[in-house]
Amino acid sequence: MRLFRRGGRTRGAEPSRTGRGEIAEGERHLQSFATSRRGVEAYIEPATTVTATTVVLIAGDGEWTRRRVADPRAARALAERLRIPVYEAAVVGYPQRMREWNRRKAEQERGGRDE
């Protein structure tokens, strides 16, 4: 068993690959989300060793969706086409309305039960 490899790529050095079809489908979903809601903003999430670059769209009421994109440049281009503001999530964080949406949704799923 070899522990170190010479001259080759190391495992995990590249984010998981996303197929063109999946990216195109994701962009259609994001476009649909953005055009059917008010006050939508885009938040770019950088690629990690586990995931590709993603973009989170957050509506004015806090509802949100996340999809993979090819790279940060593609996320910015998408936001420009949709004419929505775009931010880097790692720099500015997420808005409070997103956390409030998650809290309300969790309460609805619990059905008001006490834990």
PDB file of N, CA and C in Angstrom:
ATOM      1  N   MET A   1       0.838  -1.176   0.000  1.00  0.00           N
ATOM      2  CA  MET A   1       0.000   0.000   0.000  1.00  0.00           C
ATOM      3  C   MET A   1       0.883   1.239   0.000  1.00  0.00           C
ATOM      4  N   ARG A   2       0.658   2.106  -0.964  1.00  0.00           N
ATOM      5  CA  ARG A   2       1.452   3.324  -1.056  1.00  0.00           C
ATOM      6  C   ARG A   2       0.749   4.456  -0.317  1.00  0.00           C
ATOM      7  N   LEU A   3       1.469   5.123   0.531  1.00  0.00           N
ATOM      8  CA  LEU A   3       0.892   6.239   1.265  1.00  0.00           C
ATOM      9  C   LEU A   3       1.047   7.550   0.520  1.00  0.00           C
ATOM     10  N   PHE A   4       2.126   7.693  -0.203  1.00  0.00           N
ATOM     11  CA  PHE A   4       2.394   8.942  -0.907  1.00  0.00           C
ATOM     12  C   PHE A   4       2.573   8.646  -2.382  1.00  0.00           C
ATOM     13  N   ARG A   5       2.057   9.528  -3.194  1.00  0.00           N
ATOM     14  CA  ARG A   5       2.205   9.370  -4.644  1.00  0.00           C
ATOM     15  C   ARG A   5       3.023  10.521  -5.175  1.00  0.00           C
ATOM     16  N   ARG A   6       3.828  10.239  -6.152  1.00  0.00           N
ATOM     17  CA  ARG A   6       4.663  11.274  -6.730  1.00  0.00           C
ATOM     18  C   ARG A   6       4.048  11.773  -8.025  1.00  0.00           C
ATOM     19  N   GLY A   7       4.041  13.082  -8.174  1.00  0.00           N
ATOM     20  CA  GLY A   7       3.698  13.689  -9.439  1.00  0.00           C
ATOM     21  C   GLY A   7       2.248  13.645  -9.862  1.00  0.00           C
ATOM     22  N   GLY A   8       1.394  13.044  -9.112  1.00  0.00           N
ATOM     23  CA  GLY A   8      -0.007  12.962  -9.508  1.00  0.00           C
ATOM     24  C   GLY A   8      -0.893  13.817  -8.632  1.00  0.00           C
ATOM     25  N   ARG A   9      -2.134  13.896  -9.036  1.00  0.00           N
ATOM     26  CA  ARG A   9      -3.111  14.603  -8.217  1.00  0.00           C
ATOM     27  C   ARG A   9      -3.331  13.841  -6.928  1.00  0.00           C
ATOM     28  N   THR A  10      -3.565  14.557  -5.873  1.00  0.00           N
ATOM     29  CA  THR A  10      -3.887  13.896  -4.618  1.00  0.00           C
ATOM     30  C   THR A  10      -5.388  13.765  -4.496  1.00  0.00           C
ATOM     31  N   ARG A  11      -5.829  12.750  -3.817  1.00  0.00           N
ATOM     32  CA  ARG A  11      -7.262  12.561  -3.606  1.00  0.00           C
ATOM     33  C   ARG A  11      -7.835  13.713  -2.815  1.00  0.00           C
ATOM     34  N   GLY A  12      -9.040  14.115  -3.207  1.00  0.00           N
ATOM     35  CA  GLY A  12      -9.719  15.169  -2.473  1.00  0.00           C
ATOM     36  C   GLY A  12      -9.226  16.563  -2.787  1.00  0.00           C
ATOM     37  N   ALA A  13      -8.278  16.706  -3.705  1.00  0.00           N
ATOM     38  CA  ALA A  13      -7.742  18.014  -4.014  1.00  0.00           C
ATOM     39  C   ALA A  13      -8.678  18.820  -4.901  1.00  0.00           C
ATOM     40  N   GLU A  14      -9.629  18.162  -5.523  1.00  0.00           N
ATOM     41  CA  GLU A  14     -10.544  18.831  -6.428  1.00  0.00           C
ATOM     42  C   GLU A  14     -11.970  18.630  -5.926  1.00  0.00           C
ATOM     43  N   PRO A  15     -12.766  19.709  -5.936  1.00  0.00           N
ATOM     44  CA  PRO A  15     -14.152  19.537  -5.494  1.00  0.00           C
ATOM     45  C   PRO A  15     -14.873  18.528  -6.370  1.00  0.00           C
ATOM     46  N   SER A  16     -15.947  17.961  -5.825  1.00  0.00           N
ATOM     47  CA  SER A  16     -16.698  16.986  -6.599  1.00  0.00           C
ATOM     48  C   SER A  16     -17.168  17.611  -7.902  1.00  0.00           C
ATOM     49  N   ARG A  17     -17.165  16.821  -8.943  1.00  0.00           N
ATOM     50  CA  ARG A  17     -17.542  17.337 -10.254  1.00  0.00           C
ATOM     51  C   ARG A  17     -19.045  17.376 -10.401  1.00  0.00           C
ATOM     52  N   THR A  18     -19.483  18.358 -11.141  1.00  0.00           N
ATOM     53  CA  THR A  18     -20.890  18.514 -11.415  1.00  0.00           C
ATOM     54  C   THR A  18     -21.073  18.460 -12.917  1.00  0.00           C
ATOM     55  N   GLY A  19     -21.952  17.611 -13.386  1.00  0.00           N
ATOM     56  CA  GLY A  19     -22.195  17.491 -14.805  1.00  0.00           C
ATOM     57  C   GLY A  19     -22.886  18.712 -15.378  1.00  0.00           C
ATOM     58  N   ARG A  20     -22.681  18.935 -16.671  1.00  0.00           N
ATOM     59  CA  ARG A  20     -23.302  20.090 -17.324  1.00  0.00           C
ATOM     60  C   ARG A  20     -24.814  20.054 -17.208  1.00  0.00           C
ATOM     61  N   GLY A  21     -25.389  18.855 -17.366  1.00  0.00           N
ATOM     62  CA  GLY A  21     -26.842  18.733 -17.263  1.00  0.00           C
ATOM     63  C   GLY A  21     -27.348  19.138 -15.900  1.00  0.00           C
ATOM     64  N   GLU A  22     -26.634  18.723 -14.856  1.00  0.00           N
ATOM     65  CA  GLU A  22     -27.039  19.076 -13.500  1.00  0.00           C
ATOM     66  C   GLU A  22     -26.923  20.582 -13.280  1.00  0.00           C
ATOM     67  N   ILE A  23     -25.874  21.188 -13.802  1.00  0.00           N
ATOM     68  CA  ILE A  23     -25.700  22.634 -13.665  1.00  0.00           C
ATOM     69  C   ILE A  23     -26.811  23.368 -14.402  1.00  0.00           C
ATOM     70  N   ALA A  24     -27.114  22.939 -15.630  1.00  0.00           N
ATOM     71  CA  ALA A  24     -28.174  23.589 -16.406  1.00  0.00           C
ATOM     72  C   ALA A  24     -29.517  23.463 -15.698  1.00  0.00           C
ATOM     73  N   GLU A  25     -29.809  22.286 -15.154  1.00  0.00           N
ATOM     74  CA  GLU A  25     -31.052  22.075 -14.416  1.00  0.00           C
ATOM     75  C   GLU A  25     -31.086  22.959 -13.177  1.00  0.00           C
ATOM     76  N   GLY A  26     -29.955  23.062 -12.497  1.00  0.00           N
ATOM     77  CA  GLY A  26     -29.863  23.919 -11.315  1.00  0.00           C
ATOM     78  C   GLY A  26     -30.088  25.375 -11.656  1.00  0.00           C
ATOM     79  N   GLU A  27     -29.527  25.825 -12.768  1.00  0.00           N
ATOM     80  CA  GLU A  27     -29.717  27.220 -13.172  1.00  0.00           C
ATOM     81  C   GLU A  27     -31.171  27.496 -13.526  1.00  0.00           C
ATOM     82  N   ARG A  28     -31.840  26.529 -14.154  1.00  0.00           N
ATOM     83  CA  ARG A  28     -33.273  26.706 -14.453  1.00  0.00           C
ATOM     84  C   ARG A  28     -34.068  26.830 -13.155  1.00  0.00           C
ATOM     85  N   HIS A  29     -33.728  25.995 -12.171  1.00  0.00           N
ATOM     86  CA  HIS A  29     -34.406  26.065 -10.873  1.00  0.00           C
ATOM     87  C   HIS A  29     -34.172  27.430 -10.220  1.00  0.00           C
ATOM     88  N   LEU A  30     -32.930  27.892 -10.231  1.00  0.00           N
ATOM     89  CA  LEU A  30     -32.604  29.182  -9.626  1.00  0.00           C
ATOM     90  C   LEU A  30     -33.337  30.316 -10.326  1.00  0.00           C
ATOM     91  N   GLN A  31     -33.400  30.257 -11.647  1.00  0.00           N
ATOM     92  CA  GLN A  31     -34.093  31.289 -12.403  1.00  0.00           C
ATOM     93  C   GLN A  31     -35.581  31.295 -12.051  1.00  0.00           C
ATOM     94  N   SER A  32     -36.171  30.115 -11.967  1.00  0.00           N
ATOM     95  CA  SER A  32     -37.579  30.003 -11.600  1.00  0.00           C
ATOM     96  C   SER A  32     -37.823  30.567 -10.200  1.00  0.00           C
ATOM     97  N   PHE A  33     -36.943  30.222  -9.271  1.00  0.00           N
ATOM     98  CA  PHE A  33     -37.061  30.715  -7.894  1.00  0.00           C
ATOM     99  C   PHE A  33     -36.991  32.238  -7.886  1.00  0.00           C
ATOM    100  N   ALA A  34     -36.000  32.801  -8.568  1.00  0.00           N
ATOM    101  CA  ALA A  34     -35.773  34.249  -8.551  1.00  0.00           C
ATOM    102  C   ALA A  34     -36.923  35.022  -9.189  1.00  0.00           C
ATOM    103  N   THR A  35     -37.502  34.461 -10.237  1.00  0.00           N
ATOM    104  CA  THR A  35     -38.570  35.191 -10.928  1.00  0.00           C
ATOM    105  C   THR A  35     -39.927  35.033 -10.253  1.00  0.00           C
ATOM    106  N   SER A  36     -40.068  34.082  -9.353  1.00  0.00           N
ATOM    107  CA  SER A  36     -41.362  33.864  -8.707  1.00  0.00           C
ATOM    108  C   SER A  36     -41.412  34.409  -7.279  1.00  0.00           C
ATOM    109  N   ARG A  37     -40.347  35.068  -6.842  1.00  0.00           N
ATOM    110  CA  ARG A  37     -40.304  35.616  -5.489  1.00  0.00           C
ATOM    111  C   ARG A  37     -39.775  37.042  -5.520  1.00  0.00           C
ATOM    112  N   ARG A  38     -40.055  37.772  -4.455  1.00  0.00           N
ATOM    113  CA  ARG A  38     -39.632  39.179  -4.377  1.00  0.00           C
ATOM    114  C   ARG A  38     -38.393  39.324  -3.494  1.00  0.00           C
ATOM    115  N   GLY A  39     -37.579  40.320  -3.826  1.00  0.00           N
ATOM    116  CA  GLY A  39     -36.438  40.664  -2.985  1.00  0.00           C
ATOM    117  C   GLY A  39     -35.343  39.617  -2.937  1.00  0.00           C
ATOM    118  N   VAL A  40     -35.118  38.899  -4.026  1.00  0.00           N
ATOM    119  CA  VAL A  40     -34.153  37.796  -4.041  1.00  0.00           C
ATOM    120  C   VAL A  40     -32.728  38.336  -4.150  1.00  0.00           C
ATOM    121  N   GLU A  41     -31.836  37.739  -3.374  1.00  0.00           N
ATOM    122  CA  GLU A  41     -30.403  38.035  -3.401  1.00  0.00           C
ATOM    123  C   GLU A  41     -29.640  36.726  -3.568  1.00  0.00           C
ATOM    124  N   ALA A  42     -28.468  36.801  -4.188  1.00  0.00           N
ATOM    125  CA  ALA A  42     -27.630  35.620  -4.409  1.00  0.00           C
ATOM    126  C   ALA A  42     -26.431  35.658  -3.464  1.00  0.00           C
ATOM    127  N   TYR A  43     -26.097  34.501  -2.893  1.00  0.00           N
ATOM    128  CA  TYR A  43     -24.933  34.348  -2.015  1.00  0.00           C
ATOM    129  C   TYR A  43     -24.088  33.211  -2.564  1.00  0.00           C
ATOM    130  N   ILE A  44     -22.867  33.533  -2.975  1.00  0.00           N
ATOM    131  CA  ILE A  44     -21.966  32.531  -3.540  1.00  0.00           C
ATOM    132  C   ILE A  44     -21.223  31.837  -2.415  1.00  0.00           C
ATOM    133  N   GLU A  45     -21.279  30.494  -2.430  1.00  0.00           N
ATOM    134  CA  GLU A  45     -20.544  29.684  -1.454  1.00  0.00           C
ATOM    135  C   GLU A  45     -19.345  29.066  -2.176  1.00  0.00           C
ATOM    136  N   PRO A  46     -18.147  29.257  -1.664  1.00  0.00           N
ATOM    137  CA  PRO A  46     -16.960  28.755  -2.355  1.00  0.00           C
ATOM    138  C   PRO A  46     -16.883  27.230  -2.369  1.00  0.00           C
ATOM    139  N   ALA A  47     -16.166  26.725  -3.353  1.00  0.00           N
ATOM    140  CA  ALA A  47     -15.932  25.284  -3.436  1.00  0.00           C
ATOM    141  C   ALA A  47     -15.099  24.841  -2.244  1.00  0.00           C
ATOM    142  N   THR A  48     -15.340  23.607  -1.814  1.00  0.00           N
ATOM    143  CA  THR A  48     -14.541  23.007  -0.745  1.00  0.00           C
ATOM    144  C   THR A  48     -13.965  21.708  -1.288  1.00  0.00           C
ATOM    145  N   THR A  49     -13.280  20.983  -0.452  1.00  0.00           N
ATOM    146  CA  THR A  49     -12.756  19.694  -0.901  1.00  0.00           C
ATOM    147  C   THR A  49     -13.869  18.680  -1.095  1.00  0.00           C
ATOM    148  N   VAL A  50     -15.042  18.968  -0.572  1.00  0.00           N
ATOM    149  CA  VAL A  50     -16.165  18.040  -0.649  1.00  0.00           C
ATOM    150  C   VAL A  50     -17.217  18.473  -1.673  1.00  0.00           C
ATOM    151  N   THR A  51     -17.453  19.777  -1.813  1.00  0.00           N
ATOM    152  CA  THR A  51     -18.507  20.254  -2.700  1.00  0.00           C
ATOM    153  C   THR A  51     -17.985  21.262  -3.710  1.00  0.00           C
ATOM    154  N   ALA A  52     -18.708  21.357  -4.808  1.00  0.00           N
ATOM    155  CA  ALA A  52     -18.400  22.358  -5.833  1.00  0.00           C
ATOM    156  C   ALA A  52     -18.935  23.710  -5.364  1.00  0.00           C
ATOM    157  N   THR A  53     -18.674  24.744  -6.125  1.00  0.00           N
ATOM    158  CA  THR A  53     -19.208  26.065  -5.835  1.00  0.00           C
ATOM    159  C   THR A  53     -20.728  25.998  -5.894  1.00  0.00           C
ATOM    160  N   THR A  54     -21.375  26.634  -4.935  1.00  0.00           N
ATOM    161  CA  THR A  54     -22.836  26.686  -4.921  1.00  0.00           C
ATOM    162  C   THR A  54     -23.283  28.129  -4.791  1.00  0.00           C
ATOM    163  N   VAL A  55     -24.528  28.362  -5.152  1.00  0.00           N
ATOM    164  CA  VAL A  55     -25.128  29.679  -4.962  1.00  0.00           C
ATOM    165  C   VAL A  55     -26.444  29.472  -4.221  1.00  0.00           C
ATOM    166  N   VAL A  56     -26.661  30.313  -3.223  1.00  0.00           N
ATOM    167  CA  VAL A  56     -27.894  30.290  -2.444  1.00  0.00           C
ATOM    168  C   VAL A  56     -28.684  31.536  -2.826  1.00  0.00           C
ATOM    169  N   LEU A  57     -29.931  31.345  -3.244  1.00  0.00           N
ATOM    170  CA  LEU A  57     -30.820  32.472  -3.484  1.00  0.00           C
ATOM    171  C   LEU A  57     -31.736  32.597  -2.284  1.00  0.00           C
ATOM    172  N   ILE A  58     -31.827  33.819  -1.749  1.00  0.00           N
ATOM    173  CA  ILE A  58     -32.640  34.063  -0.567  1.00  0.00           C
ATOM    174  C   ILE A  58     -33.657  35.139  -0.909  1.00  0.00           C
ATOM    175  N   ALA A  59     -34.932  34.794  -0.762  1.00  0.00           N
ATOM    176  CA  ALA A  59     -36.016  35.731  -1.050  1.00  0.00           C
ATOM    177  C   ALA A  59     -36.188  36.711   0.100  1.00  0.00           C
ATOM    178  N   GLY A  60     -36.976  37.727  -0.143  1.00  0.00           N
ATOM    179  CA  GLY A  60     -37.210  38.766   0.852  1.00  0.00           C
ATOM    180  C   GLY A  60     -37.834  38.252   2.137  1.00  0.00           C
ATOM    181  N   ASP A  61     -38.603  37.152   2.044  1.00  0.00           N
ATOM    182  CA  ASP A  61     -39.229  36.596   3.245  1.00  0.00           C
ATOM    183  C   ASP A  61     -38.343  35.562   3.942  1.00  0.00           C
ATOM    184  N   GLY A  62     -37.154  35.303   3.380  1.00  0.00           N
ATOM    185  CA  GLY A  62     -36.222  34.358   3.998  1.00  0.00           C
ATOM    186  C   GLY A  62     -36.206  32.992   3.350  1.00  0.00           C
ATOM    187  N   GLU A  63     -37.200  32.681   2.515  1.00  0.00           N
ATOM    188  CA  GLU A  63     -37.191  31.392   1.814  1.00  0.00           C
ATOM    189  C   GLU A  63     -35.932  31.321   0.963  1.00  0.00           C
ATOM    190  N   TRP A  64     -35.341  30.138   0.891  1.00  0.00           N
ATOM    191  CA  TRP A  64     -34.080  30.030   0.168  1.00  0.00           C
ATOM    192  C   TRP A  64     -33.971  28.706  -0.569  1.00  0.00           C
ATOM    193  N   THR A  65     -33.032  28.691  -1.510  1.00  0.00           N
ATOM    194  CA  THR A  65     -32.715  27.479  -2.259  1.00  0.00           C
ATOM    195  C   THR A  65     -31.232  27.513  -2.608  1.00  0.00           C
ATOM    196  N   ARG A  66     -30.642  26.336  -2.769  1.00  0.00           N
ATOM    197  CA  ARG A  66     -29.203  26.230  -3.070  1.00  0.00           C
ATOM    198  C   ARG A  66     -29.018  25.264  -4.228  1.00  0.00           C
ATOM    199  N   ARG A  67     -28.122  25.631  -5.154  1.00  0.00           N
ATOM    200  CA  ARG A  67     -27.776  24.763  -6.268  1.00  0.00           C
ATOM    201  C   ARG A  67     -26.304  24.942  -6.612  1.00  0.00           C
ATOM    202  N   ARG A  68     -25.737  23.896  -7.202  1.00  0.00           N
ATOM    203  CA  ARG A  68     -24.354  23.953  -7.668  1.00  0.00           C
ATOM    204  C   ARG A  68     -24.267  24.792  -8.932  1.00  0.00           C
ATOM    205  N   VAL A  69     -23.139  25.457  -9.087  1.00  0.00           N
ATOM    206  CA  VAL A  69     -22.830  26.205 -10.299  1.00  0.00           C
ATOM    207  C   VAL A  69     -21.416  25.831 -10.725  1.00  0.00           C
ATOM    208  N   ALA A  70     -21.066  26.155 -11.947  1.00  0.00           N
ATOM    209  CA  ALA A  70     -19.758  25.768 -12.469  1.00  0.00           C
ATOM    210  C   ALA A  70     -18.611  26.390 -11.673  1.00  0.00           C
ATOM    211  N   ASP A  71     -18.746  27.669 -11.348  1.00  0.00           N
ATOM    212  CA  ASP A  71     -17.698  28.385 -10.614  1.00  0.00           C
ATOM    213  C   ASP A  71     -18.259  29.737 -10.170  1.00  0.00           C
ATOM    214  N   PRO A  72     -17.502  30.492  -9.363  1.00  0.00           N
ATOM    215  CA  PRO A  72     -18.011  31.788  -8.895  1.00  0.00           C
ATOM    216  C   PRO A  72     -18.347  32.752 -10.034  1.00  0.00           C
ATOM    217  N   ARG A  73     -17.596  32.696 -11.102  1.00  0.00           N
ATOM    218  CA  ARG A  73     -17.861  33.575 -12.247  1.00  0.00           C
ATOM    219  C   ARG A  73     -19.239  33.267 -12.837  1.00  0.00           C
ATOM    220  N   ALA A  74     -19.577  31.989 -12.930  1.00  0.00           N
ATOM    221  CA  ALA A  74     -20.891  31.585 -13.447  1.00  0.00           C
ATOM    222  C   ALA A  74     -22.005  32.053 -12.511  1.00  0.00           C
ATOM    223  N   ALA A  75     -21.762  32.013 -11.210  1.00  0.00           N
ATOM    224  CA  ALA A  75     -22.757  32.480 -10.238  1.00  0.00           C
ATOM    225  C   ALA A  75     -22.997  33.977 -10.403  1.00  0.00           C
ATOM    226  N   ARG A  76     -21.918  34.721 -10.590  1.00  0.00           N
ATOM    227  CA  ARG A  76     -22.053  36.167 -10.797  1.00  0.00           C
ATOM    228  C   ARG A  76     -22.788  36.474 -12.098  1.00  0.00           C
ATOM    229  N   ALA A  77     -22.483  35.716 -13.141  1.00  0.00           N
ATOM    230  CA  ALA A  77     -23.153  35.911 -14.432  1.00  0.00           C
ATOM    231  C   ALA A  77     -24.647  35.618 -14.302  1.00  0.00           C
ATOM    232  N   LEU A  78     -24.994  34.569 -13.565  1.00  0.00           N
ATOM    233  CA  LEU A  78     -26.395  34.227 -13.343  1.00  0.00           C
ATOM    234  C   LEU A  78     -27.105  35.367 -12.609  1.00  0.00           C
ATOM    235  N   ALA A  79     -26.491  35.870 -11.557  1.00  0.00           N
ATOM    236  CA  ALA A  79     -27.091  36.968 -10.794  1.00  0.00           C
ATOM    237  C   ALA A  79     -27.257  38.206 -11.676  1.00  0.00           C
ATOM    238  N   GLU A  80     -26.291  38.455 -12.527  1.00  0.00           N
ATOM    239  CA  GLU A  80     -26.384  39.597 -13.435  1.00  0.00           C
ATOM    240  C   GLU A  80     -27.553  39.413 -14.409  1.00  0.00           C
ATOM    241  N   ARG A  81     -27.688  38.200 -14.970  1.00  0.00           N
ATOM    242  CA  ARG A  81     -28.807  37.931 -15.888  1.00  0.00           C
ATOM    243  C   ARG A  81     -30.150  38.089 -15.181  1.00  0.00           C
ATOM    244  N   LEU A  82     -30.205  37.668 -13.917  1.00  0.00           N
ATOM    245  CA  LEU A  82     -31.442  37.760 -13.146  1.00  0.00           C
ATOM    246  C   LEU A  82     -31.658  39.148 -12.557  1.00  0.00           C
ATOM    247  N   ARG A  83     -30.629  39.980 -12.659  1.00  0.00           N
ATOM    248  CA  ARG A  83     -30.665  41.355 -12.132  1.00  0.00           C
ATOM    249  C   ARG A  83     -30.950  41.378 -10.642  1.00  0.00           C
ATOM    250  N   ILE A  84     -30.175  40.552  -9.920  1.00  0.00           N
ATOM    251  CA  ILE A  84     -30.300  40.510  -8.466  1.00  0.00           C
ATOM    252  C   ILE A  84     -28.929  40.774  -7.848  1.00  0.00           C
ATOM    253  N   PRO A  85     -28.891  41.317  -6.635  1.00  0.00           N
ATOM    254  CA  PRO A  85     -27.611  41.552  -5.965  1.00  0.00           C
ATOM    255  C   PRO A  85     -26.919  40.228  -5.662  1.00  0.00           C
ATOM    256  N   VAL A  86     -25.600  40.253  -5.661  1.00  0.00           N
ATOM    257  CA  VAL A  86     -24.816  39.045  -5.388  1.00  0.00           C
ATOM    258  C   VAL A  86     -23.752  39.361  -4.338  1.00  0.00           C
ATOM    259  N   TYR A  87     -23.578  38.430  -3.414  1.00  0.00           N
ATOM    260  CA  TYR A  87     -22.623  38.595  -2.323  1.00  0.00           C
ATOM    261  C   TYR A  87     -21.818  37.314  -2.168  1.00  0.00           C
ATOM    262  N   GLU A  88     -20.672  37.423  -1.530  1.00  0.00           N
ATOM    263  CA  GLU A  88     -19.885  36.236  -1.186  1.00  0.00           C
ATOM    264  C   GLU A  88     -20.252  35.849   0.245  1.00  0.00           C
ATOM    265  N   ALA A  89     -20.828  34.670   0.395  1.00  0.00           N
ATOM    266  CA  ALA A  89     -21.298  34.228   1.707  1.00  0.00           C
ATOM    267  C   ALA A  89     -20.168  34.168   2.730  1.00  0.00           C
ATOM    268  N   ALA A  90     -18.978  33.797   2.293  1.00  0.00           N
ATOM    269  CA  ALA A  90     -17.851  33.682   3.218  1.00  0.00           C
ATOM    270  C   ALA A  90     -17.419  35.053   3.755  1.00  0.00           C
ATOM    271  N   VAL A  91     -17.775  36.111   3.049  1.00  0.00           N
ATOM    272  CA  VAL A  91     -17.383  37.457   3.465  1.00  0.00           C
ATOM    273  C   VAL A  91     -18.482  38.126   4.287  1.00  0.00           C
ATOM    274  N   VAL A  92     -19.720  38.072   3.801  1.00  0.00           N
ATOM    275  CA  VAL A  92     -20.799  38.816   4.453  1.00  0.00           C
ATOM    276  C   VAL A  92     -21.714  37.961   5.314  1.00  0.00           C
ATOM    277  N   GLY A  93     -21.642  36.641   5.177  1.00  0.00           N
ATOM    278  CA  GLY A  93     -22.542  35.769   5.929  1.00  0.00           C
ATOM    279  C   GLY A  93     -23.918  35.755   5.291  1.00  0.00           C
ATOM    280  N   TYR A  94     -24.895  35.186   6.011  1.00  0.00           N
ATOM    281  CA  TYR A  94     -26.261  35.078   5.508  1.00  0.00           C
ATOM    282  C   TYR A  94     -27.156  36.031   6.284  1.00  0.00           C
ATOM    283  N   PRO A  95     -28.215  36.520   5.646  1.00  0.00           N
ATOM    284  CA  PRO A  95     -29.102  37.456   6.349  1.00  0.00           C
ATOM    285  C   PRO A  95     -29.932  36.764   7.419  1.00  0.00           C
ATOM    286  N   GLN A  96     -30.315  37.523   8.414  1.00  0.00           N
ATOM    287  CA  GLN A  96     -31.115  37.022   9.524  1.00  0.00           C
ATOM    288  C   GLN A  96     -32.424  36.406   9.040  1.00  0.00           C
ATOM    289  N   ARG A  97     -33.000  36.953   7.994  1.00  0.00           N
ATOM    290  CA  ARG A  97     -34.289  36.441   7.517  1.00  0.00           C
ATOM    291  C   ARG A  97     -34.200  34.974   7.095  1.00  0.00           C
ATOM    292  N   MET A  98     -33.032  34.532   6.664  1.00  0.00           N
ATOM    293  CA  MET A  98     -32.848  33.124   6.296  1.00  0.00           C
ATOM    294  C   MET A  98     -32.925  32.244   7.547  1.00  0.00           C
ATOM    295  N   ARG A  99     -32.264  32.674   8.605  1.00  0.00           N
ATOM    296  CA  ARG A  99     -32.311  31.906   9.859  1.00  0.00           C
ATOM    297  C   ARG A  99     -33.727  31.872  10.426  1.00  0.00           C
ATOM    298  N   GLU A 100     -34.449  32.986  10.314  1.00  0.00           N
ATOM    299  CA  GLU A 100     -35.832  33.023  10.795  1.00  0.00           C
ATOM    300  C   GLU A 100     -36.711  32.087   9.973  1.00  0.00           C
ATOM    301  N   TRP A 101     -36.491  32.025   8.677  1.00  0.00           N
ATOM    302  CA  TRP A 101     -37.247  31.108   7.811  1.00  0.00           C
ATOM    303  C   TRP A 101     -37.003  29.665   8.249  1.00  0.00           C
ATOM    304  N   ASN A 102     -35.737  29.331   8.488  1.00  0.00           N
ATOM    305  CA  ASN A 102     -35.393  27.971   8.920  1.00  0.00           C
ATOM    306  C   ASN A 102     -36.059  27.631  10.255  1.00  0.00           C
ATOM    307  N   ARG A 103     -36.072  28.588  11.166  1.00  0.00           N
ATOM    308  CA  ARG A 103     -36.696  28.362  12.471  1.00  0.00           C
ATOM    309  C   ARG A 103     -38.203  28.137  12.308  1.00  0.00           C
ATOM    310  N   ARG A 104     -38.874  28.977  11.527  1.00  0.00           N
ATOM    311  CA  ARG A 104     -40.322  28.820  11.299  1.00  0.00           C
ATOM    312  C   ARG A 104     -40.631  27.483  10.627  1.00  0.00           C
ATOM    313  N   LYS A 105     -39.817  27.114   9.655  1.00  0.00           N
ATOM    314  CA  LYS A 105     -40.041  25.854   8.949  1.00  0.00           C
ATOM    315  C   LYS A 105     -39.869  24.663   9.897  1.00  0.00           C
ATOM    316  N   ALA A 106     -38.845  24.703  10.753  1.00  0.00           N
ATOM    317  CA  ALA A 106     -38.624  23.626  11.720  1.00  0.00           C
ATOM    318  C   ALA A 106     -39.802  23.526  12.688  1.00  0.00           C
ATOM    319  N   GLU A 107     -40.331  24.672  13.109  1.00  0.00           N
ATOM    320  CA  GLU A 107     -41.485  24.659  14.014  1.00  0.00           C
ATOM    321  C   GLU A 107     -42.702  24.055  13.324  1.00  0.00           C
ATOM    322  N   GLN A 108     -42.901  24.366  12.059  1.00  0.00           N
ATOM    323  CA  GLN A 108     -44.028  23.807  11.312  1.00  0.00           C
ATOM    324  C   GLN A 108     -43.890  22.302  11.161  1.00  0.00           C
ATOM    325  N   GLU A 109     -42.678  21.847  10.889  1.00  0.00           N
ATOM    326  CA  GLU A 109     -42.444  20.415  10.718  1.00  0.00           C
ATOM    327  C   GLU A 109     -42.667  19.648  12.016  1.00  0.00           C
ATOM    328  N   ARG A 110     -42.329  20.268  13.132  1.00  0.00           N
ATOM    329  CA  ARG A 110     -42.568  19.639  14.431  1.00  0.00           C
ATOM    330  C   ARG A 110     -44.046  19.672  14.791  1.00  0.00           C
ATOM    331  N   GLY A 111     -44.790  20.556  14.129  1.00  0.00           N
ATOM    332  CA  GLY A 111     -46.213  20.659  14.406  1.00  0.00           C
ATOM    333  C   GLY A 111     -46.504  21.255  15.766  1.00  0.00           C
ATOM    334  N   GLY A 112     -45.583  22.080  16.253  1.00  0.00           N
ATOM    335  CA  GLY A 112     -45.787  22.710  17.539  1.00  0.00           C
ATOM    336  C   GLY A 112     -45.513  21.809  18.727  1.00  0.00           C
ATOM    337  N   ARG A 113     -44.996  20.588  18.461  1.00  0.00           N
ATOM    338  CA  ARG A 113     -44.692  19.661  19.569  1.00  0.00           C
ATOM    339  C   ARG A 113     -43.546  20.179  20.418  1.00  0.00           C
ATOM    340  N   ASP A 114     -43.595  19.911  21.690  1.00  0.00           N
ATOM    341  CA  ASP A 114     -42.470  20.210  22.579  1.00  0.00           C
ATOM    342  C   ASP A 114     -41.508  19.041  22.525  1.00  0.00           C
ATOM    343  N   GLU A 115     -40.247  19.343  22.528  1.00  0.00           N
ATOM    344  CA  GLU A 115     -39.243  18.276  22.473  1.00  0.00           C
ATOM    345  C   GLU A 115     -38.732  17.936  23.827  1.00  0.00           C
TER     346      GLU A 115
END
